[in-house]
Amino acid sequence: MNLKSLALAASVLALGVAPGAFADETLRSDIAVDYDTHLGALFTYFHTHPELSFRETNTAKTLAKEIRAYGFDVTEGVGGTGIVAVMKNGEGPTVLMRADMDGLPLLEDSGLAYASTVTQTDIDGIEKPVMHACGHDVHITSLVGAAKQLAARKDEWSGTLVLVGQPAEERIGGAHAMMEDGLYTRFPKPDYAIAFHVAADVPTGRILLPPDIVASSSDSVDILVHGVGTHGAYPHMGIDPVLVASQIVVSLQSVVSRSIAPLDPGVITVGAFHGGAKHNIIGDKVEMQLTVRSDDPEVRTQLLDGIDRVARGVAISMGVPEDLMPEVTRSKTESTPPTINDADTARRLRDAFTDSLPEGALYEQPRDGMGAEDFAYFVTPETGVKGVYFSVGGTPEAEAASAPSHHSPFFRIDPEPSVKLGTEAMVVGAMALMKPTT
């Protein structure tokens, strides 16, 4: 055993991990060196230069340049600002590794020395502050790290790697846009697709890998409620859209509580309600914005159909004439099916992580919400692609339970352990799926 191996074995024992617990004894040390010499600075650059959904021009350019340097064939501008990098390495399966790139329209208040001060004009034409409030800077940094390590280990895997830098996950529109732009026809179609998300409420050094459901479906729905304007002191002379819309808000909750089975999860949230202009004026319209979540395609249909039924039914019951019925519009871009891991592939990755990562790295935590993730478009049953999506811990264990939530101006994660473990997990996962045949 050489001096490097002895030093590594000593560090492994110091961590309480059995010798031989790593599939590649040099992988972790190589990633650590790469973080110190490059990935750490790259993460800081991405964090201080966030860009909004479908506006990730500089992020995509930087990501493409980084990955191209390791010998990948990189195509830019896929699905808007997405990038696709391909490396062919003999016969074998094709594995897609995806990282989302976009930030959020929030003014950062994390207290970090490298906090973002960036503003950018959003796709709605409004200039907004921007921050990485969901950890996508970790994802793209780890993608670069994984690209380097896999390119350096071509004798340990066989097949085709497809690396994807995806735009607009926060608007749940980027994955669909890349699919519509020929991701699976212009480039090698994957047999497997893997991705991860850094999680502020999961301790650093831990991985959360569900065997099945990972994230819910999400649909953005707009309702335009019409009325007949009049003086606030003469309500009988018009039709009050605020009253109609308010009743719709209340009645929508009956769709969840009385239309779907009690053991089937579902959420209808009215996130925005805009109407009226003055104390004593009854206006002529109210605009509502909803998000709808479910874990099952049939329940998803029930919820969406229920919104149509309730909006119309409430309007009829309150005397709204036929020509002023509410207009319900489902977004064609802000929509995604549920993300469900392929059970057999998830088991293969769990086995690989158990063999390769420190003892106790795999973490169990029940779902406590219905977040959505448009990675689902890459692995729908129609594609035939087997997908696995997992979480990597982002906060030291003593602080994880009270960590600021994602999408908060106070959001922050510990970048070094997050990027290192994210990189290692992606490399281990890809190589587990691409073991060379002998």
Protein backbone atom coordinates (compact mmCIF):
# COMPACT_ATOMS: atom_id res chain seq x y z
CA MET A 1 0.00 0.00 0.00
CA ASN A 2 1.46 3.41 -0.99
CA LEU A 3 1.61 6.47 1.25
CA LYS A 4 -1.48 8.01 -0.41
CA SER A 5 -3.48 4.86 0.25
CA LEU A 6 -2.28 4.70 3.84
CA ALA A 7 -3.29 8.30 4.44
CA LEU A 8 -6.69 7.70 2.92
CA ALA A 9 -7.22 4.55 5.00
CA ALA A 10 -6.34 6.50 8.14
CA SER A 11 -8.84 9.23 7.29
CA VAL A 12 -11.49 6.62 6.61
CA LEU A 13 -10.92 5.01 10.01
CA ALA A 14 -11.02 8.44 11.65
CA LEU A 15 -14.46 8.97 10.13
CA GLY A 16 -15.65 5.65 11.52
CA VAL A 17 -16.03 4.12 8.07
CA ALA A 18 -14.85 0.59 7.37
CA PRO A 19 -11.86 0.25 5.01
CA GLY A 20 -12.95 -0.72 1.54
CA ALA A 21 -16.23 1.21 1.89
CA PHE A 22 -15.44 3.13 -1.28
CA ALA A 23 -15.78 1.71 -4.76
CA ASP A 24 -12.92 3.99 -5.88
CA GLU A 25 -10.54 4.96 -3.09
CA THR A 26 -9.26 7.94 -5.02
CA LEU A 27 -12.60 9.43 -6.07
CA ARG A 28 -13.33 11.35 -2.90
CA SER A 29 -9.81 12.72 -2.61
CA ASP A 30 -9.85 13.75 -6.27
CA ILE A 31 -13.14 15.61 -5.77
CA ALA A 32 -11.75 17.30 -2.66
CA VAL A 33 -8.72 18.53 -4.58
CA ASP A 34 -10.95 19.71 -7.42
CA TYR A 35 -13.16 21.61 -4.96
CA ASP A 36 -10.17 23.37 -3.44
CA THR A 37 -8.66 24.27 -6.80
CA HIS A 38 -11.72 24.95 -8.92
CA LEU A 39 -15.21 23.89 -7.90
CA GLY A 40 -15.37 26.09 -4.80
CA ALA A 41 -14.62 29.21 -6.80
CA LEU A 42 -16.99 28.09 -9.55
CA PHE A 43 -19.83 27.68 -7.04
CA THR A 44 -19.21 31.20 -5.71
CA TYR A 45 -19.25 32.55 -9.26
CA PHE A 46 -22.57 30.86 -10.03
CA HIS A 47 -24.05 32.05 -6.72
CA THR A 48 -23.07 35.67 -7.30
CA HIS A 49 -24.25 35.63 -10.94
CA PRO A 50 -27.75 34.07 -10.80
CA GLU A 51 -30.13 34.36 -13.75
CA LEU A 52 -33.89 33.98 -14.04
CA SER A 53 -35.83 31.27 -15.87
CA PHE A 54 -35.25 31.24 -19.63
CA ARG A 55 -32.74 34.07 -19.08
CA GLU A 56 -29.78 31.86 -18.07
CA THR A 57 -27.59 33.01 -20.99
CA ASN A 58 -24.34 33.58 -19.09
CA THR A 59 -24.88 30.58 -16.81
CA ALA A 60 -25.39 28.30 -19.81
CA LYS A 61 -22.37 29.74 -21.61
CA THR A 62 -20.16 29.21 -18.55
CA LEU A 63 -21.48 25.69 -17.97
CA ALA A 64 -20.93 24.77 -21.62
CA LYS A 65 -17.36 26.08 -21.54
CA GLU A 66 -16.56 24.17 -18.36
CA ILE A 67 -17.91 20.83 -19.61
CA ARG A 68 -16.47 21.22 -23.11
CA ALA A 69 -13.01 21.42 -21.55
CA TYR A 70 -13.31 17.77 -20.48
CA GLY A 71 -13.85 16.45 -24.00
CA PHE A 72 -17.64 16.49 -24.26
CA ASP A 73 -19.42 17.48 -27.47
CA VAL A 74 -21.59 20.40 -26.26
CA THR A 75 -24.64 21.91 -27.96
CA GLU A 76 -26.05 25.21 -26.66
CA GLY A 77 -29.46 26.83 -27.08
CA VAL A 78 -31.56 23.68 -26.63
CA GLY A 79 -35.05 24.54 -25.43
CA GLY A 80 -34.05 28.19 -25.16
CA THR A 81 -30.95 28.38 -22.98
CA GLY A 82 -30.40 24.70 -22.27
CA ILE A 83 -27.16 22.86 -23.00
CA VAL A 84 -26.60 19.21 -23.92
CA ALA A 85 -23.16 17.58 -23.63
CA VAL A 86 -22.43 14.13 -25.05
CA MET A 87 -19.52 11.76 -24.50
CA LYS A 88 -19.53 8.37 -26.22
CA ASN A 89 -17.36 5.71 -24.66
CA GLY A 90 -17.97 2.38 -26.35
CA GLU A 91 -20.92 0.05 -26.14
CA GLY A 92 -23.34 0.23 -23.27
CA PRO A 93 -26.33 2.12 -21.90
CA THR A 94 -26.94 5.82 -22.29
CA VAL A 95 -27.20 7.75 -19.03
CA LEU A 96 -28.51 11.31 -18.80
CA MET A 97 -27.40 13.49 -15.88
CA ARG A 98 -29.37 16.68 -15.40
CA ALA A 99 -28.80 19.90 -13.45
CA ASP A 100 -31.17 22.89 -13.42
CA MET A 101 -29.66 26.36 -13.80
CA ASP A 102 -32.14 29.11 -12.92
CA GLY A 103 -32.42 31.37 -9.91
CA LEU A 104 -35.44 33.07 -8.34
CA PRO A 105 -36.76 36.67 -8.30
CA LEU A 106 -35.78 37.35 -4.67
CA LEU A 107 -33.57 39.91 -2.95
CA GLU A 108 -30.99 37.83 -1.10
CA ASP A 109 -30.78 38.36 2.65
CA SER A 110 -28.67 35.32 3.57
CA GLY A 111 -25.87 37.24 5.24
CA LEU A 112 -23.30 35.49 3.05
CA ALA A 113 -20.20 37.43 2.06
CA TYR A 114 -20.85 36.37 -1.53
CA ALA A 115 -24.61 37.12 -1.52
CA SER A 116 -26.11 38.06 -4.86
CA THR A 117 -26.75 41.72 -5.67
CA VAL A 118 -27.86 40.99 -9.23
CA THR A 119 -31.00 42.33 -10.89
CA GLN A 120 -32.38 41.13 -14.23
CA THR A 121 -35.31 41.79 -16.51
CA ASP A 122 -37.65 38.80 -16.26
CA ILE A 123 -39.64 37.30 -19.14
CA ASP A 124 -42.54 39.51 -18.08
CA GLY A 125 -40.43 42.60 -18.83
CA ILE A 126 -40.03 43.63 -15.18
CA GLU A 127 -36.61 44.11 -13.60
CA LYS A 128 -36.24 42.02 -10.46
CA PRO A 129 -33.58 41.04 -7.91
CA VAL A 130 -32.21 37.54 -8.45
CA MET A 131 -30.74 34.94 -6.11
CA HIS A 132 -30.07 31.22 -6.04
CA ALA A 133 -32.67 30.50 -3.38
CA CYS A 134 -33.10 26.82 -4.26
CA GLY A 135 -29.56 25.52 -4.64
CA HIS A 136 -29.34 25.24 -8.40
CA ASP A 137 -25.83 26.68 -8.12
CA VAL A 138 -24.90 23.48 -6.25
CA HIS A 139 -26.44 21.34 -8.99
CA ILE A 140 -24.56 22.89 -11.91
CA THR A 141 -21.28 23.01 -9.99
CA SER A 142 -21.61 19.31 -9.18
CA LEU A 143 -22.44 18.58 -12.82
CA VAL A 144 -19.12 20.14 -13.80
CA GLY A 145 -17.36 18.14 -11.09
CA ALA A 146 -18.98 14.90 -12.24
CA ALA A 147 -18.11 15.64 -15.88
CA LYS A 148 -14.44 15.96 -14.95
CA GLN A 149 -14.32 12.79 -12.84
CA LEU A 150 -16.19 10.66 -15.36
CA ALA A 151 -14.05 11.91 -18.23
CA ALA A 152 -10.97 10.92 -16.22
CA ARG A 153 -12.38 7.45 -15.50
CA LYS A 154 -13.40 6.32 -18.98
CA ASP A 155 -11.82 2.92 -18.38
CA GLU A 156 -14.32 2.32 -15.55
CA TRP A 157 -17.55 2.76 -17.51
CA SER A 158 -18.88 1.98 -20.95
CA GLY A 159 -21.71 3.61 -22.85
CA THR A 160 -22.82 7.17 -23.58
CA LEU A 161 -23.08 10.08 -21.16
CA VAL A 162 -25.53 12.90 -21.81
CA LEU A 163 -25.18 15.89 -19.49
CA VAL A 164 -28.03 18.42 -19.44
CA GLY A 165 -28.00 21.96 -18.12
CA GLN A 166 -31.70 22.69 -17.94
CA PRO A 167 -33.35 26.11 -17.91
CA ALA A 168 -36.49 27.26 -16.12
CA GLU A 169 -37.11 24.54 -13.56
CA GLU A 170 -38.55 27.22 -11.28
CA ARG A 171 -41.24 27.88 -13.88
CA ILE A 172 -41.57 24.13 -14.48
CA GLY A 173 -41.22 24.82 -18.18
CA GLY A 174 -37.58 24.14 -19.07
CA ALA A 175 -37.63 20.34 -19.24
CA HIS A 176 -40.70 20.39 -21.48
CA ALA A 177 -39.06 23.02 -23.70
CA MET A 178 -35.96 20.87 -24.13
CA MET A 179 -38.07 17.81 -24.95
CA GLU A 180 -40.03 19.84 -27.50
CA ASP A 181 -36.70 20.96 -29.01
CA GLY A 182 -35.66 17.37 -29.69
CA LEU A 183 -33.70 16.32 -26.61
CA TYR A 184 -34.51 12.66 -27.29
CA THR A 185 -34.32 12.85 -31.08
CA ARG A 186 -31.40 15.19 -31.78
CA PHE A 187 -29.24 13.57 -29.10
CA PRO A 188 -28.80 9.98 -27.85
CA LYS A 189 -31.94 8.92 -26.03
CA PRO A 190 -31.10 7.75 -22.53
CA ASP A 191 -31.88 4.42 -21.00
CA TYR A 192 -31.55 6.05 -17.58
CA ALA A 193 -31.81 9.61 -16.27
CA ILE A 194 -30.54 10.77 -12.89
CA ALA A 195 -30.59 14.08 -11.05
CA PHE A 196 -30.36 15.42 -7.51
CA HIS A 197 -31.53 18.39 -5.48
CA VAL A 198 -29.68 19.89 -2.55
CA ALA A 199 -32.02 19.99 0.47
CA ALA A 200 -31.59 22.55 3.23
CA ASP A 201 -33.49 20.42 5.74
CA VAL A 202 -31.35 17.30 5.16
CA PRO A 203 -28.02 17.12 7.03
CA THR A 204 -24.82 17.41 5.04
CA GLY A 205 -23.25 14.09 4.21
CA ARG A 206 -26.63 12.43 3.80
CA ILE A 207 -28.61 11.31 0.74
CA LEU A 208 -32.38 10.90 0.59
CA LEU A 209 -33.41 8.46 -2.16
CA PRO A 210 -37.11 7.51 -2.23
CA PRO A 211 -38.04 4.21 -3.92
CA ASP A 212 -41.08 5.68 -5.70
CA ILE A 213 -42.84 9.07 -5.54
CA VAL A 214 -40.44 12.02 -5.26
CA ALA A 215 -42.43 15.09 -6.26
CA SER A 216 -46.04 15.93 -7.09
CA SER A 217 -47.57 17.11 -10.31
CA SER A 218 -48.09 20.85 -10.59
CA ASP A 219 -50.46 22.91 -12.70
CA SER A 220 -50.82 26.67 -12.78
CA VAL A 221 -54.42 27.75 -13.32
CA ASP A 222 -55.80 31.26 -13.88
CA ILE A 223 -59.42 32.22 -13.26
CA LEU A 224 -60.88 35.47 -14.57
CA VAL A 225 -64.12 36.20 -12.72
CA HIS A 226 -66.40 38.68 -14.46
CA GLY A 227 -68.89 41.01 -12.83
CA VAL A 228 -70.88 44.14 -13.53
CA GLY A 229 -69.40 47.27 -12.01
CA THR A 230 -71.44 49.70 -9.95
CA HIS A 231 -71.31 52.06 -6.96
CA GLY A 232 -70.36 50.33 -3.69
CA ALA A 233 -73.49 51.77 -2.06
CA TYR A 234 -75.75 50.23 -4.73
CA PRO A 235 -74.64 46.58 -4.97
CA HIS A 236 -78.02 45.49 -6.31
CA MET A 237 -77.32 47.46 -9.48
CA GLY A 238 -74.39 45.23 -10.50
CA ILE A 239 -72.74 41.86 -9.96
CA ASP A 240 -69.92 41.88 -7.44
CA PRO A 241 -67.00 39.80 -8.81
CA VAL A 242 -65.15 40.00 -5.48
CA LEU A 243 -68.04 38.20 -3.78
CA VAL A 244 -68.28 35.62 -6.57
CA ALA A 245 -64.51 35.03 -6.53
CA SER A 246 -64.44 34.77 -2.75
CA GLN A 247 -67.09 32.09 -2.83
CA ILE A 248 -65.10 30.25 -5.50
CA VAL A 249 -62.04 30.30 -3.21
CA VAL A 250 -64.00 28.75 -0.35
CA SER A 251 -65.80 26.22 -2.53
CA LEU A 252 -62.60 25.05 -4.20
CA GLN A 253 -61.54 23.41 -0.95
CA SER A 254 -64.52 21.07 -1.26
CA VAL A 255 -62.92 19.61 -4.38
CA VAL A 256 -60.09 18.23 -2.25
CA SER A 257 -62.17 17.32 0.79
CA ARG A 258 -65.22 15.87 -0.97
CA SER A 259 -64.30 14.95 -4.57
CA ILE A 260 -61.19 12.79 -4.20
CA ALA A 261 -60.59 9.78 -1.96
CA PRO A 262 -59.40 10.77 1.52
CA LEU A 263 -56.19 8.73 1.19
CA ASP A 264 -55.24 10.43 -2.10
CA PRO A 265 -53.18 13.60 -1.57
CA GLY A 266 -54.20 16.76 -3.37
CA VAL A 267 -53.76 20.51 -2.99
CA ILE A 268 -55.55 23.50 -4.52
CA THR A 269 -53.99 26.76 -3.37
CA VAL A 270 -55.15 30.22 -4.46
CA GLY A 271 -51.87 32.09 -4.50
CA ALA A 272 -53.05 35.42 -5.91
CA PHE A 273 -56.34 37.33 -5.83
CA HIS A 274 -56.55 40.72 -7.52
CA GLY A 275 -59.70 42.82 -7.86
CA GLY A 276 -61.16 46.23 -7.26
CA ALA A 277 -59.69 49.72 -7.24
CA LYS A 278 -61.45 51.85 -4.59
CA HIS A 279 -63.40 51.57 -1.33
CA ASN A 280 -66.74 52.50 -2.81
CA ILE A 281 -66.51 50.93 -6.26
CA ILE A 282 -67.65 47.45 -7.20
CA GLY A 283 -65.40 46.50 -10.09
CA ASP A 284 -66.05 44.32 -13.10
CA LYS A 285 -63.44 41.60 -12.71
CA VAL A 286 -61.22 39.63 -10.33
CA GLU A 287 -58.09 37.78 -11.41
CA MET A 288 -57.07 34.64 -9.49
CA GLN A 289 -53.96 32.46 -9.76
CA LEU A 290 -53.94 28.88 -8.48
CA THR A 291 -51.45 26.06 -8.07
CA VAL A 292 -52.76 22.49 -8.15
CA ARG A 293 -50.81 19.47 -6.84
CA SER A 294 -51.35 15.71 -6.86
CA ASP A 295 -49.40 12.45 -6.92
CA ASP A 296 -51.66 10.53 -9.29
CA PRO A 297 -52.70 11.31 -12.90
CA GLU A 298 -56.36 10.46 -12.24
CA VAL A 299 -56.49 12.67 -9.15
CA ARG A 300 -54.82 15.43 -11.15
CA THR A 301 -57.63 15.25 -13.70
CA GLN A 302 -60.26 15.23 -10.96
CA LEU A 303 -58.81 18.37 -9.38
CA LEU A 304 -58.54 20.29 -12.63
CA ASP A 305 -62.02 19.31 -13.75
CA GLY A 306 -63.32 20.21 -10.29
CA ILE A 307 -61.98 23.75 -10.63
CA ASP A 308 -63.91 24.19 -13.87
CA ARG A 309 -67.07 22.85 -12.26
CA VAL A 310 -66.85 24.94 -9.10
CA ALA A 311 -66.06 28.19 -10.90
CA ARG A 312 -69.05 27.81 -13.21
CA GLY A 313 -71.38 26.44 -10.54
CA VAL A 314 -70.69 29.25 -8.07
CA ALA A 315 -71.19 31.86 -10.78
CA ILE A 316 -74.55 30.35 -11.77
CA SER A 317 -75.68 30.18 -8.14
CA MET A 318 -74.90 33.87 -7.69
CA GLY A 319 -76.76 35.05 -10.74
CA VAL A 320 -73.93 35.63 -13.16
CA PRO A 321 -75.30 35.56 -16.73
CA GLU A 322 -74.06 33.04 -19.25
CA ASP A 323 -72.05 35.58 -21.20
CA LEU A 324 -70.09 36.53 -18.06
CA MET A 325 -69.14 33.03 -16.88
CA PRO A 326 -65.64 32.77 -15.28
CA GLU A 327 -62.80 31.99 -17.66
CA VAL A 328 -60.57 29.16 -16.39
CA THR A 329 -57.21 28.79 -18.15
CA ARG A 330 -54.65 26.06 -17.53
CA SER A 331 -51.05 27.03 -18.25
CA LYS A 332 -49.47 25.14 -21.13
CA THR A 333 -45.95 25.87 -19.90
CA GLU A 334 -46.13 25.92 -16.08
CA SER A 335 -47.21 22.32 -15.74
CA THR A 336 -45.54 19.02 -14.91
CA PRO A 337 -46.57 15.45 -14.11
CA PRO A 338 -45.41 13.81 -10.85
CA THR A 339 -41.80 12.68 -10.56
CA ILE A 340 -41.72 8.96 -9.73
CA ASN A 341 -38.50 6.99 -9.36
CA ASP A 342 -38.13 3.70 -11.19
CA ALA A 343 -38.04 1.19 -8.33
CA ASP A 344 -35.43 -1.18 -9.80
CA THR A 345 -33.08 1.63 -10.82
CA ALA A 346 -33.50 3.33 -7.45
CA ARG A 347 -32.53 0.03 -5.80
CA ARG A 348 -29.40 -0.20 -7.96
CA LEU A 349 -28.33 3.29 -6.95
CA ARG A 350 -29.07 2.63 -3.29
CA ASP A 351 -26.86 -0.45 -3.45
CA ALA A 352 -24.11 1.55 -5.16
CA PHE A 353 -24.33 4.33 -2.58
CA THR A 354 -24.28 1.79 0.25
CA ASP A 355 -21.12 0.22 -1.18
CA SER A 356 -19.36 3.45 -2.08
CA LEU A 357 -20.36 6.16 0.41
CA PRO A 358 -19.68 6.36 4.17
CA GLU A 359 -21.82 4.23 6.42
CA GLY A 360 -25.05 6.03 7.29
CA ALA A 361 -25.01 8.26 4.22
CA LEU A 362 -28.44 7.04 3.14
CA TYR A 363 -31.05 9.01 5.04
CA GLU A 364 -34.76 8.47 5.60
CA GLN A 365 -37.22 11.33 5.95
CA PRO A 366 -40.99 11.34 5.28
CA ARG A 367 -42.41 13.71 2.69
CA ASP A 368 -43.97 16.75 4.30
CA GLY A 369 -45.27 18.64 1.29
CA MET A 370 -46.17 18.49 -2.39
CA GLY A 371 -43.31 20.23 -4.15
CA ALA A 372 -43.01 19.73 -7.90
CA GLU A 373 -40.09 19.01 -10.19
CA ASP A 374 -40.12 19.07 -13.99
CA PHE A 375 -37.44 16.38 -14.24
CA ALA A 376 -40.61 14.29 -14.61
CA TYR A 377 -40.76 15.15 -18.33
CA PHE A 378 -37.52 13.25 -18.92
CA VAL A 379 -38.85 10.06 -17.31
CA THR A 380 -42.58 9.87 -18.04
CA PRO A 381 -43.90 6.37 -18.80
CA GLU A 382 -44.29 7.43 -22.43
CA THR A 383 -40.52 8.00 -22.81
CA GLY A 384 -39.55 4.58 -21.47
CA VAL A 385 -36.60 6.20 -19.67
CA LYS A 386 -35.92 4.90 -16.17
CA GLY A 387 -35.34 7.79 -13.79
CA VAL A 388 -33.97 8.35 -10.31
CA TYR A 389 -34.10 11.65 -8.46
CA PHE A 390 -32.55 12.03 -5.01
CA SER A 391 -31.68 14.72 -2.47
CA VAL A 392 -28.30 15.69 -1.05
CA GLY A 393 -28.01 17.27 2.39
CA GLY A 394 -27.13 20.94 2.46
CA THR A 395 -27.01 22.03 6.12
CA PRO A 396 -24.91 20.81 9.09
CA GLU A 397 -26.92 18.37 11.17
CA ALA A 398 -27.20 20.65 14.21
CA GLU A 399 -28.83 23.35 12.06
CA ALA A 400 -30.83 21.37 9.49
CA ALA A 401 -34.09 21.27 11.45
CA SER A 402 -34.23 25.09 11.63
CA ALA A 403 -32.66 25.92 8.27
CA PRO A 404 -34.40 28.66 6.23
CA SER A 405 -36.64 27.13 3.61
CA HIS A 406 -36.03 26.98 -0.09
CA HIS A 407 -37.44 29.97 -2.01
CA SER A 408 -36.70 32.20 0.99
CA PRO A 409 -34.47 35.31 0.85
CA PHE A 410 -32.68 33.80 3.87
CA PHE A 411 -31.92 30.50 2.09
CA ARG A 412 -28.34 29.27 2.39
CA ILE A 413 -26.58 25.94 2.27
CA ASP A 414 -23.05 24.79 3.14
CA PRO A 415 -21.54 24.59 -0.35
CA GLU A 416 -18.43 22.47 0.21
CA PRO A 417 -20.01 19.25 1.56
CA SER A 418 -23.04 19.74 -0.70
CA VAL A 419 -21.04 20.07 -3.92
CA LYS A 420 -18.63 17.29 -2.97
CA LEU A 421 -21.33 14.77 -2.10
CA GLY A 422 -23.48 15.79 -5.08
CA THR A 423 -20.52 15.25 -7.39
CA GLU A 424 -19.58 11.92 -5.82
CA ALA A 425 -23.14 10.60 -5.86
CA MET A 426 -23.61 11.46 -9.53
CA VAL A 427 -20.33 9.80 -10.48
CA VAL A 428 -21.06 6.68 -8.41
CA GLY A 429 -24.61 6.52 -9.74
CA ALA A 430 -23.60 6.88 -13.39
CA MET A 431 -20.84 4.30 -13.12
CA ALA A 432 -23.17 1.85 -11.39
CA LEU A 433 -25.46 2.04 -14.42
CA MET A 434 -22.61 1.88 -16.93
CA LYS A 435 -20.38 -0.91 -15.66
CA PRO A 436 -18.33 -2.21 -18.57
CA THR A 437 -19.15 -5.71 -19.74
CA THR A 438 -16.40 -8.30 -19.45
